[in-house]
Protein backbone atom coordinates (compact mmCIF):
# COMPACT_ATOMS: atom_id res chain seq x y z
CA MET A 1 -7.48 31.08 -19.59
CA ASN A 2 -10.05 30.91 -16.47
CA LYS A 3 -9.44 28.10 -13.62
CA PHE A 4 -12.36 26.18 -15.19
CA GLN A 5 -10.59 25.89 -18.62
CA LEU A 6 -7.22 24.84 -17.02
CA TYR A 7 -8.98 22.13 -14.85
CA ARG A 8 -10.26 20.76 -17.96
CA LEU A 9 -6.92 21.02 -19.94
CA LEU A 10 -4.98 19.46 -16.87
CA ARG A 11 -7.38 16.57 -16.67
CA LYS A 12 -6.95 15.99 -20.47
CA ASN A 13 -3.17 16.17 -20.32
CA THR A 14 -3.29 13.60 -17.00
CA ASN A 15 -5.14 11.09 -19.26
CA LEU A 16 -3.03 11.56 -22.20
CA SER A 17 -0.09 11.15 -19.97
CA TYR A 18 -1.22 7.96 -18.60
CA LYS A 19 -1.97 6.49 -22.23
CA ARG A 20 1.47 7.80 -23.64
CA SER A 21 3.38 6.17 -20.63
CA PRO A 22 5.78 3.27 -21.65
CA ALA A 23 3.72 1.41 -18.83
CA PHE A 24 0.41 1.73 -20.20
CA GLU A 25 0.60 -1.68 -22.16
CA GLN A 26 1.53 -3.69 -19.36
CA ASN A 27 -0.61 -2.11 -16.86
CA LYS A 28 -3.68 -3.01 -18.84
CA TRP A 29 -3.93 -6.23 -16.83
CA ALA A 30 -3.50 -4.49 -13.47
CA LYS A 31 -6.10 -1.99 -14.46
CA LEU A 32 -8.54 -4.79 -15.30
CA LEU A 33 -7.97 -6.59 -12.04
CA ILE A 34 -8.33 -2.97 -10.48
CA TYR A 35 -11.68 -2.67 -12.10
CA LEU A 36 -12.69 -5.98 -11.03
CA GLY A 37 -11.85 -5.36 -7.59
CA ALA A 38 -13.54 -2.09 -7.71
CA GLY A 39 -16.71 -3.94 -8.89
CA MET A 40 -16.57 -6.33 -5.62
CA PHE A 41 -15.99 -3.52 -3.74
CA ALA A 42 -19.29 -1.66 -5.14
CA LEU A 43 -21.40 -4.91 -4.51
CA TYR A 44 -20.17 -5.10 -0.83
CA LEU A 45 -21.04 -1.44 -0.30
CA ILE A 46 -24.41 -2.10 -2.02
CA MET A 47 -24.87 -4.98 0.40
CA TYR A 48 -23.84 -3.11 3.69
CA GLY A 49 -25.78 -0.10 2.65
CA CYS A 50 -29.11 -2.41 2.60
CA ILE A 51 -28.32 -4.03 5.71
CA VAL A 52 -27.77 -0.85 7.59
CA GLY A 53 -31.02 0.50 6.04
CA MET A 54 -33.18 -2.61 7.06
CA ALA A 55 -31.48 -2.43 10.79
CA ALA A 56 -32.45 1.58 10.74
CA LYS A 57 -35.99 0.50 10.57
CA GLY A 58 -36.82 4.29 9.18
CA GLU A 59 -34.94 6.05 11.86
CA ALA A 60 -32.51 8.65 10.18
CA GLY A 61 -29.18 8.79 11.14
CA MET A 62 -27.99 5.24 11.29
CA MET A 63 -25.36 5.53 8.44
CA LEU A 64 -23.85 8.76 10.09
CA ALA A 65 -23.67 6.69 13.60
CA PHE A 66 -21.39 4.30 11.44
CA ALA A 67 -19.18 7.18 9.94
CA PRO A 68 -15.97 6.68 12.28
CA PHE A 69 -15.71 3.29 11.26
CA TYR A 70 -15.91 3.37 7.54
CA MET A 71 -14.07 6.55 7.47
CA ALA A 72 -11.21 4.76 9.29
CA ILE A 73 -11.27 1.79 6.72
CA ASP A 74 -11.43 4.42 4.09
CA PHE A 75 -8.24 6.11 5.35
CA LEU A 76 -6.20 2.55 5.09
CA LEU A 77 -8.07 1.99 1.32
CA ARG A 78 -6.75 5.10 0.12
CA PHE A 79 -2.93 4.16 0.52
CA ILE A 80 -4.06 2.07 -2.30
CA VAL A 81 -6.00 4.32 -4.63
CA GLN A 82 -5.11 7.79 -3.98
CA THR A 83 -1.95 9.65 -4.68
CA THR A 84 -0.74 13.36 -3.73
CA PRO A 85 -1.00 15.98 -6.24
CA GLY A 86 2.60 16.78 -6.09
CA MET A 87 3.46 13.98 -8.57
CA MET A 88 0.99 15.51 -10.96
CA VAL A 89 1.90 19.12 -10.60
CA LYS A 90 5.61 18.70 -11.29
CA PRO A 91 5.77 19.00 -15.13
CA TYR A 92 4.04 22.24 -14.96
CA ILE A 93 6.27 23.79 -12.50
CA LEU A 94 8.35 25.60 -15.33
CA GLN A 95 5.06 26.58 -17.24
CA PRO A 96 3.65 29.98 -17.21
CA ILE A 97 0.72 29.14 -14.83
CA SER A 98 0.57 29.74 -11.25
CA ARG A 99 1.62 26.79 -9.16
CA TYR A 100 -1.13 27.32 -6.80
CA THR A 101 -3.66 27.36 -9.34
CA ALA A 102 -2.39 23.81 -10.80
CA ILE A 103 -2.52 22.33 -7.26
CA GLU A 104 -5.92 23.61 -6.59
CA CYS A 105 -7.04 21.89 -9.97
CA PHE A 106 -5.59 18.57 -9.03
CA LEU A 107 -7.03 18.89 -5.29
CA ILE A 108 -10.44 19.83 -6.77
CA GLY A 109 -10.01 16.53 -8.91
CA GLU A 110 -9.54 14.66 -5.73
CA HIS A 111 -12.99 15.62 -4.67
CA VAL A 112 -15.12 14.68 -7.56
CA SER A 113 -12.66 11.39 -8.17
CA GLY A 114 -14.27 8.10 -8.75
CA TYR A 115 -13.24 6.50 -5.72
CA ASN A 116 -15.23 9.24 -3.66
CA LEU A 117 -18.15 8.74 -5.80
CA LEU A 118 -17.86 4.87 -5.14
CA TRP A 119 -19.05 5.30 -1.63
CA LEU A 120 -22.60 6.25 -3.00
CA CYS A 121 -23.00 2.55 -3.55
CA MET A 122 -23.54 2.33 -0.21
CA PHE A 123 -25.24 5.49 0.76
CA VAL A 124 -27.96 5.58 -2.19
CA PRO A 125 -29.35 2.43 -1.18
CA TYR A 126 -29.40 2.85 2.38
CA SER A 127 -31.09 6.43 1.56
CA ILE A 128 -33.87 4.48 -0.70
CA ILE A 129 -34.62 1.81 1.97
CA GLN A 130 -35.23 4.89 4.30
CA LEU A 131 -37.39 6.65 1.99
CA PHE A 132 -39.72 3.25 1.53
CA ALA A 133 -39.62 3.09 5.25
CA GLY A 134 -41.37 6.50 5.65
CA GLU A 135 -38.62 8.90 6.33
CA SER A 136 -39.03 12.53 5.16
CA PHE A 137 -37.48 13.21 1.95
CA PRO A 138 -35.41 16.49 3.01
CA LEU A 139 -33.92 14.50 6.28
CA VAL A 140 -32.72 11.50 3.93
CA MET A 141 -31.01 13.98 1.43
CA LEU A 142 -29.44 15.79 4.13
CA GLU A 143 -27.95 12.61 5.73
CA LEU A 144 -27.07 11.13 2.14
CA VAL A 145 -24.89 14.54 1.37
CA THR A 146 -23.44 14.71 4.77
CA CYS A 147 -22.03 11.13 4.17
CA GLU A 148 -20.86 12.10 0.91
CA LEU A 149 -19.18 15.17 2.18
CA LEU A 150 -17.37 13.24 5.02
CA MET A 151 -15.83 11.07 2.41
CA ILE A 152 -14.56 13.90 0.91
CA LEU A 153 -13.43 15.60 3.80
CA ASN A 154 -11.82 12.21 4.47
CA SER A 155 -9.68 12.51 1.34
CA GLN A 156 -8.13 15.48 2.46
CA ILE A 157 -7.68 14.44 6.07
CA TYR A 158 -5.80 11.60 4.07
CA LEU A 159 -3.54 13.68 1.90
CA PHE A 160 -2.72 15.62 4.89
CA PHE A 161 -1.30 12.85 6.56
CA ARG A 162 -0.05 11.21 3.72
CA THR A 163 2.14 14.23 2.63
CA LEU A 164 3.53 14.07 6.03
CA ILE A 165 4.05 10.40 6.11
CA ASN A 166 6.10 10.59 2.59
CA ARG A 167 8.50 12.98 4.65
CA SER A 168 8.57 10.58 7.81
CA VAL A 169 6.83 7.30 8.39
CA LEU A 170 6.52 8.25 12.17
CA TRP A 171 3.73 10.40 11.15
CA LEU A 172 1.54 7.25 10.50
CA ILE A 173 1.09 7.16 14.26
CA PRO A 174 -0.68 10.66 14.57
CA GLY A 175 -2.77 9.29 11.74
CA LEU A 176 -3.88 6.40 13.33
CA VAL A 177 -4.24 7.69 16.61
CA PHE A 178 -6.66 10.40 15.18
CA TYR A 179 -9.07 7.87 13.50
CA ALA A 180 -8.93 5.88 17.17
CA LEU A 181 -10.06 9.12 19.06
CA PRO A 182 -13.82 8.46 18.55
CA PHE A 183 -13.58 5.00 19.73
CA THR A 184 -12.00 6.52 22.77
CA PRO A 185 -15.26 6.20 25.18
CA LEU A 186 -15.49 2.53 24.12
CA MET A 187 -11.83 2.12 25.33
CA LEU A 188 -12.41 3.72 28.47
CA SER A 189 -15.69 1.98 29.28
CA PRO A 190 -16.34 -0.85 27.02
CA LYS A 191 -20.23 -1.24 28.03
CA ALA A 192 -23.20 -1.49 25.68
CA ASP A 193 -24.86 1.46 27.17
CA THR A 194 -21.36 3.42 25.84
CA PHE A 195 -21.81 2.57 22.51
CA ASP A 196 -25.55 3.49 22.59
CA LYS A 197 -24.65 7.00 24.05
CA MET A 198 -22.02 7.41 21.43
CA VAL A 199 -24.43 6.49 18.53
CA ASP A 200 -27.13 8.71 19.72
CA MET A 201 -24.92 11.59 20.16
CA ILE A 202 -23.35 11.19 16.54
CA ILE A 203 -26.65 11.20 15.17
CA ALA A 204 -28.01 14.35 16.95
CA GLN A 205 -24.89 15.97 16.10
CA GLY A 206 -24.82 14.54 12.21
CA LEU A 207 -28.56 15.74 11.78
CA SER A 208 -28.25 18.98 13.65
CA TRP A 209 -28.49 22.36 11.49
CA TYR A 210 -25.03 23.28 11.75
CA ALA A 211 -23.40 19.96 10.74
CA LEU A 212 -23.48 20.51 7.21
CA PRO A 213 -21.90 24.15 7.22
CA ILE A 214 -18.99 22.99 9.55
CA VAL A 215 -18.17 19.78 7.45
CA LEU A 216 -17.99 22.37 4.37
CA LEU A 217 -15.93 25.06 6.40
CA VAL A 218 -13.53 22.11 7.48
CA ILE A 219 -13.25 20.90 3.72
CA CYS A 220 -12.46 24.18 2.60
CA GLY A 221 -9.90 24.86 5.52
CA LEU A 222 -7.83 21.66 4.72
CA PHE A 223 -8.22 22.36 1.08
CA PHE A 224 -6.21 25.44 1.71
CA VAL A 225 -3.92 23.77 4.19
CA ASN A 226 -3.03 21.01 1.76
CA ARG A 227 -2.52 23.27 -1.21
CA HIS A 228 0.09 25.16 0.87
CA MET A 229 1.76 22.13 2.15
CA GLN A 230 1.85 20.58 -1.42
CA PHE A 231 3.40 24.04 -2.75
CA ILE A 232 6.07 24.00 -0.10
CA PHE A 233 7.03 20.29 -0.24
CA VAL A 234 7.03 20.04 -4.10
CA TYR A 235 9.16 22.93 -4.28
CA GLU A 236 11.66 21.73 -1.73
CA GLU A 237 11.94 18.18 -3.03
CA ILE A 238 12.57 19.59 -6.77
CA SER A 239 15.08 22.27 -5.77
CA LYS A 240 16.87 19.64 -3.29
CA LYS A 241 16.56 22.04 -0.24
CA THR A 242 16.23 19.34 2.05
CA GLU A 243 19.07 17.16 1.31
CA ARG A 244 22.01 17.08 3.59
CA ALA A 245 25.67 16.08 3.20
CA LEU A 246 26.80 12.67 4.57
CA LYS A 247 28.45 12.97 7.84
CA HIS A 248 29.80 9.43 7.96
CA VAL A 249 29.90 6.98 5.11
CA SER A 250 29.77 3.27 6.19
CA GLU A 251 32.34 1.07 4.55
CA PHE A 252 30.64 -2.33 5.60
CA ALA A 253 34.02 -3.91 5.00
CA PHE A 254 32.80 -7.45 6.39
CA PHE A 255 31.38 -8.04 2.95
CA ASN A 256 34.72 -7.26 1.22
CA ARG A 257 35.47 -11.11 1.55
CA PHE A 258 32.76 -11.99 -0.74
CA GLY A 259 33.89 -10.20 -3.87
CA LEU A 260 31.69 -8.50 -6.46
CA ILE A 261 28.74 -10.49 -4.60
CA GLY A 262 29.63 -8.49 -1.47
CA GLU A 263 29.85 -5.16 -3.10
CA TYR A 264 26.28 -5.53 -4.37
CA LEU A 265 25.26 -6.58 -0.78
CA LYS A 266 26.88 -3.42 0.34
CA ILE A 267 24.57 -1.46 -2.04
CA GLU A 268 21.34 -3.32 -1.20
CA LEU A 269 22.21 -2.73 2.62
CA LYS A 270 23.05 0.95 2.18
CA SER A 271 19.75 1.35 -0.39
CA ASN A 272 17.87 -0.03 2.51
CA ILE A 273 19.23 2.66 5.03
CA ARG A 274 19.55 5.59 3.17
CA ASN A 275 16.96 5.51 0.17
CA LYS A 276 13.30 7.15 1.19
CA THR A 277 11.56 4.65 -0.74
CA MET A 278 13.30 1.38 0.26
CA ARG A 279 13.67 2.34 3.80
CA THR A 280 9.96 3.33 4.16
CA ARG A 281 8.84 -0.31 2.92
CA CYS A 282 11.42 -1.69 5.29
CA ILE A 283 9.74 0.18 8.17
CA TYR A 284 6.38 -0.27 7.28
CA SER A 285 6.98 -3.99 6.88
CA LEU A 286 8.63 -4.47 10.41
CA CYS A 287 5.74 -2.43 12.01
CA ALA A 288 3.38 -4.91 10.44
CA VAL A 289 5.03 -7.98 11.22
CA ILE A 290 5.48 -6.75 15.12
CA ALA A 291 1.99 -6.06 15.20
CA PHE A 292 0.64 -9.33 13.75
CA SER A 293 3.26 -11.17 15.88
CA LEU A 294 1.81 -9.53 19.05
CA LEU A 295 -1.87 -10.06 18.04
CA VAL A 296 -1.22 -14.04 17.22
CA ALA A 297 0.84 -14.47 20.62
CA TYR A 298 -1.27 -12.35 23.27
CA THR A 299 -4.90 -12.29 21.81
CA THR A 300 -7.27 -14.84 20.71
CA ILE A 301 -8.37 -13.18 17.39
CA TYR A 302 -6.16 -15.42 15.19
CA ASP A 303 -6.49 -19.01 17.00
CA SER A 304 -7.81 -20.89 14.14
CA GLU A 305 -5.14 -23.14 12.51
CA LEU A 306 -6.11 -21.57 9.00
CA MET A 307 -5.30 -17.86 10.57
CA GLN A 308 -2.43 -18.95 12.45
CA ASN A 309 -0.53 -20.39 8.97
CA PHE A 310 -1.75 -17.50 7.19
CA TRP A 311 -0.18 -14.95 9.28
CA CYS A 312 3.08 -16.73 10.13
CA LEU A 313 3.48 -17.00 6.49
CA TYR A 314 2.44 -13.32 5.85
CA CYS A 315 4.98 -12.18 8.54
CA PHE A 316 7.99 -13.93 6.58
CA ALA A 317 6.86 -13.20 3.22
CA LEU A 318 5.74 -9.56 3.70
CA TYR A 319 9.06 -7.42 3.21
CA GLY A 320 10.06 -9.71 0.63
CA VAL A 321 7.01 -9.42 -1.29
CA THR A 322 6.56 -5.83 -1.02
CA ALA A 323 10.28 -5.06 -2.06
CA LEU A 324 11.01 -7.66 -4.69
CA ILE A 325 7.52 -7.34 -6.66
CA LYS A 326 9.54 -4.37 -7.88
CA ILE A 327 12.66 -6.10 -8.39
CA MET A 328 15.57 -4.38 -10.74
CA GLY A 329 13.22 -1.11 -10.55
CA GLN A 330 15.71 0.59 -8.46
CA GLU A 331 18.70 -0.64 -10.66
CA GLY A 332 16.57 0.97 -13.42
CA ASN A 333 18.34 4.16 -12.34
CA TYR A 334 21.57 2.67 -13.59
CA ILE A 335 20.77 -0.32 -15.49
CA GLU A 336 23.31 0.78 -18.35
CA LEU A 337 26.31 0.42 -16.09
CA LEU A 338 24.94 -2.96 -15.10
CA MET A 339 24.85 -3.96 -18.85
CA MET A 340 28.38 -3.11 -19.36
CA HIS A 341 29.93 -6.31 -17.79
CA ARG A 342 28.95 -9.42 -18.74
CA GLU A 343 27.02 -11.65 -16.10
CA ASN A 344 27.11 -8.78 -13.68
CA ILE A 345 23.56 -8.85 -13.12
CA ILE A 346 24.05 -12.72 -11.87
CA ALA A 347 26.24 -11.36 -8.81
CA LEU A 348 23.39 -8.70 -8.20
CA LEU A 349 20.57 -11.35 -8.19
CA ARG A 350 22.73 -13.47 -5.89
CA ALA A 351 23.14 -10.86 -3.54
CA LYS A 352 19.82 -9.87 -3.56
CA PHE A 353 18.70 -13.37 -2.96
CA ILE A 354 21.25 -13.90 -0.12
CA PHE A 355 20.19 -10.64 1.53
CA TYR A 356 16.36 -11.00 1.52
CA SER A 357 16.82 -14.52 2.75
CA ALA A 358 19.01 -13.28 5.88
CA VAL A 359 16.27 -10.74 6.49
CA LEU A 360 14.00 -13.50 7.17
CA ILE A 361 15.73 -14.11 10.76
CA ILE A 362 14.39 -10.91 11.95
CA PRO A 363 10.68 -11.83 11.39
CA PHE A 364 11.80 -15.36 12.92
CA VAL A 365 13.27 -13.82 16.12
CA ILE A 366 9.94 -11.63 16.18
CA MET A 367 7.47 -14.69 16.26
CA LEU A 368 9.37 -16.39 18.95
CA PRO A 369 7.08 -15.12 21.55
CA ALA A 370 4.10 -16.99 19.73
CA VAL A 371 6.18 -20.12 20.07
CA PHE A 372 6.31 -19.52 23.85
CA THR A 373 2.71 -18.87 24.24
CA GLY A 374 2.11 -22.37 22.49
CA LYS A 375 0.43 -20.75 19.40
CA TYR A 376 3.37 -21.51 16.92
CA THR A 377 6.10 -24.41 17.00
CA ILE A 378 9.58 -24.27 15.98
CA LEU A 379 9.22 -26.63 13.20
CA MET A 380 6.45 -24.40 11.72
CA LEU A 381 8.68 -21.37 11.98
CA PHE A 382 11.55 -23.11 9.96
CA ALA A 383 8.99 -24.49 7.63
CA TYR A 384 7.74 -20.98 6.46
CA MET A 385 11.14 -19.53 6.49
CA LEU A 386 12.74 -21.95 4.30
CA LEU A 387 9.78 -21.98 1.96
CA THR A 388 9.99 -18.44 1.86
CA ALA A 389 13.56 -18.08 1.20
CA GLY A 390 13.50 -20.79 -1.33
CA PHE A 391 10.10 -21.20 -3.00
CA LEU A 392 8.70 -17.96 -2.77
CA HIS A 393 11.83 -16.05 -3.65
CA PHE A 394 12.30 -18.28 -6.85
CA VAL A 395 8.70 -17.16 -8.10
CA ILE A 396 9.18 -13.57 -7.14
CA PHE A 397 12.66 -13.49 -8.62
CA GLN A 398 10.83 -14.33 -12.13
CA LEU A 399 9.47 -10.80 -12.18
CA ALA A 400 13.20 -9.50 -12.82
CA VAL A 401 12.82 -10.90 -16.70
CA TYR A 402 9.41 -8.70 -17.02
CA ASN A 403 9.83 -5.74 -14.80
CA LYS A 404 11.08 -2.60 -16.68
CA GLN A 405 9.69 0.42 -14.71
CA THR A 406 12.43 2.38 -12.65
CA LEU A 407 11.57 3.01 -8.96
CA PRO A 408 12.60 6.30 -7.95
CA LEU A 409 14.83 6.29 -4.71
CA GLN A 410 14.47 9.57 -3.32
CA LEU A 411 11.17 11.38 -4.62
CA LYS A 412 8.42 10.78 -2.53
CA VAL A 413 6.12 13.78 -3.15
CA THR A 414 6.67 14.14 -6.73
CA ALA A 415 7.72 10.51 -7.84
CA LYS A 416 5.58 9.50 -10.86
CA GLY A 417 2.74 6.81 -9.90
CA ASN A 418 4.75 3.33 -10.57
CA PHE A 419 1.53 1.08 -11.15
CA GLU A 420 1.75 -2.83 -11.01
CA ASN A 421 1.37 -4.84 -14.00
CA GLY A 422 -0.75 -7.91 -14.18
CA MET A 423 2.15 -10.35 -13.55
CA GLN A 424 3.12 -8.61 -10.45
CA LEU A 425 -0.57 -8.82 -9.06
CA VAL A 426 -0.83 -12.51 -9.97
CA ILE A 427 2.52 -13.47 -8.22
CA GLU A 428 1.63 -11.23 -5.16
CA LEU A 429 -1.55 -13.02 -4.82
CA PHE A 430 0.32 -16.68 -5.11
CA ALA A 431 2.96 -15.77 -2.96
CA LEU A 432 0.37 -14.97 0.00
CA PHE A 433 -2.16 -17.52 -0.64
CA GLY A 434 -0.51 -20.38 -2.63
CA PRO A 435 1.54 -21.86 0.47
CA VAL A 436 -1.70 -21.72 2.60
CA LEU A 437 -3.51 -23.82 0.46
CA ILE A 438 -0.70 -26.31 0.34
CA THR A 439 -0.83 -26.32 4.15
CA GLY A 440 -4.52 -26.86 4.24
CA LEU A 441 -4.13 -29.81 1.78
CA GLY A 442 -1.27 -31.19 3.68
CA TYR A 443 -3.35 -30.84 6.73
CA LEU A 444 -6.34 -32.68 5.31
CA LEU A 445 -4.30 -35.39 3.51
CA VAL A 446 -1.15 -36.19 5.83
CA GLY A 447 -1.26 -33.88 9.17
CA LEU A 448 0.40 -30.65 9.89
CA THR A 449 3.64 -32.09 11.16
CA TYR A 450 4.27 -34.06 7.76
CA THR A 451 3.28 -30.94 5.78
CA TYR A 452 5.87 -28.59 7.74
CA ILE A 453 8.78 -31.07 6.74
CA PHE A 454 7.69 -31.39 3.28
CA MET A 455 7.72 -27.37 2.97
CA CYS A 456 11.51 -27.22 4.75
CA ILE A 457 12.46 -30.10 1.66
CA VAL A 458 11.17 -27.85 -0.73
CA GLY A 459 12.24 -24.72 0.42
CA LEU A 460 15.83 -26.15 0.96
CA ALA A 461 15.83 -27.61 -2.62
CA PHE A 462 15.25 -24.20 -4.00
CA ILE A 463 17.90 -22.37 -1.51
CA ILE A 464 20.55 -25.16 -2.82
CA SER A 465 19.52 -24.74 -6.36
CA HIS A 466 19.62 -20.89 -6.42
CA PRO A 467 22.54 -20.71 -8.86
CA ILE A 468 20.77 -22.61 -11.48
CA TRP A 469 17.41 -20.70 -11.64
CA ILE A 470 19.18 -17.26 -11.22
CA ARG A 471 21.35 -18.12 -14.24
CA ASN A 472 18.22 -18.89 -16.20
CA ILE A 473 16.70 -15.81 -15.24
CA TYR A 474 19.94 -13.72 -16.36
CA THR A 475 19.62 -15.70 -19.87
CA ARG A 476 15.71 -14.68 -20.35
CA MET A 477 16.66 -10.99 -19.22
CA MET A 478 19.53 -10.68 -21.78
CA LYS A 479 17.07 -12.07 -24.69
CA ARG A 480 14.63 -9.03 -23.54
CA ARG A 481 17.39 -6.58 -22.62
CA TYR A 482 16.98 -4.03 -25.45
CA GLU A 483 12.87 -3.73 -24.64
CA ASN A 484 13.58 -3.49 -20.80
CA LEU A 485 16.29 -1.23 -21.23
CA GLU A 486 13.92 1.26 -23.02
CA GLY A 487 11.42 0.86 -20.38
CA PHE A 488 13.85 1.95 -17.66
CA MET A 489 14.98 4.77 -19.52
CA ASN A 490 11.32 5.90 -20.43
CA THR A 491 10.20 5.88 -17.04
CA ARG A 492 12.90 7.54 -14.96
CA ASP A 493 12.11 10.73 -13.04
CA PHE A 494 14.50 13.39 -14.06
């Protein structure tokens, strides 16, 4: 079997594995929303391609000049749409085929992925307009091919950094610095002529005879670097080479006084400290809250009342939304043990509610500088903190009834893709935009002060009544326990 035949076979097996997955049915709505999002994204790309084409006025190179901007945006978008080949090559480790060959096939698949081709929706309209404006066909084709190859190169750069970020979240900083390097001249000398010189330099280099061969060479070089990294890291993760014994086990004796709920509070706290998946989400959320709080407090970017309210809610809701949207996912690794004792899950859910409500103190403290600068008020912070602790947690906790996909706790390179179902996406959107709409209506009808007071009352009502709605969730979970158990067991990473 040659490499081309192996590539076709692996592509076929990957498609079949998605269809045979127990999560396939519940992911249909998520896929529909993804396709709708991709369609909207394609329309935006076509619009921007036409705008840049008309602004170029028949002068080639304008799309290349904007390459640093859309490559940086593309890098961030790939965190949503692109996975590492390690998770796909894992089932073939013990097969009688070269692991390097399997990794190569999946890396080549990333080059011709639908997402990379989607960027042609911006490049092709731009090129057509350039042709009608009188630009030569060879020059237009050179720019089109170079732009598409830059997106393929970007996928390899992303894969390099994403593999390292999966091992340590600190690698996100070099990744962001790398994409900020092209903008260094603007940071050092923020003048109009500096931008013009930077654009002229990019166009001159991008349309030169050596630009295309250099891009191809860099793609090939990164291809072999990524192949080597994937091989080493997949082998390390599967063979558990990098695991170290714990030198000290924290007891958290303070929680002993709370009985069974205290034991689950210990588990939740230790999971967020030790487990790779949960720890990474915690660090990402904390960094995002700090960044947005500083932007609101010390810049004029988000001075409108609508944006201030949105980012205030976002800072409070971010960690809970990202962590609880997979609620019961980490417990799916040992769900049978939880089912052995009656009402064990009630104590677990109450512990989660207490833990994620207590965590809201952190963004409250982080956003105090915005209060000192006059952007926020103490009443506003209390309103969004209480609304998040009560109402938003009530909404998100409903997913405990429907979630049935196990979330791997330690695997990062070889973990299975854990796509969200439609219910998760709807609740995420509602959690982020619903309270902002309520705030907007209150602002128009009764003013912000009375709206914040109403939000405090609603939040407190859901906090006080949490034993009632948590028991209701438990009752509905028990009606679906066999279906959920089957889903958790079938989606584990062994």
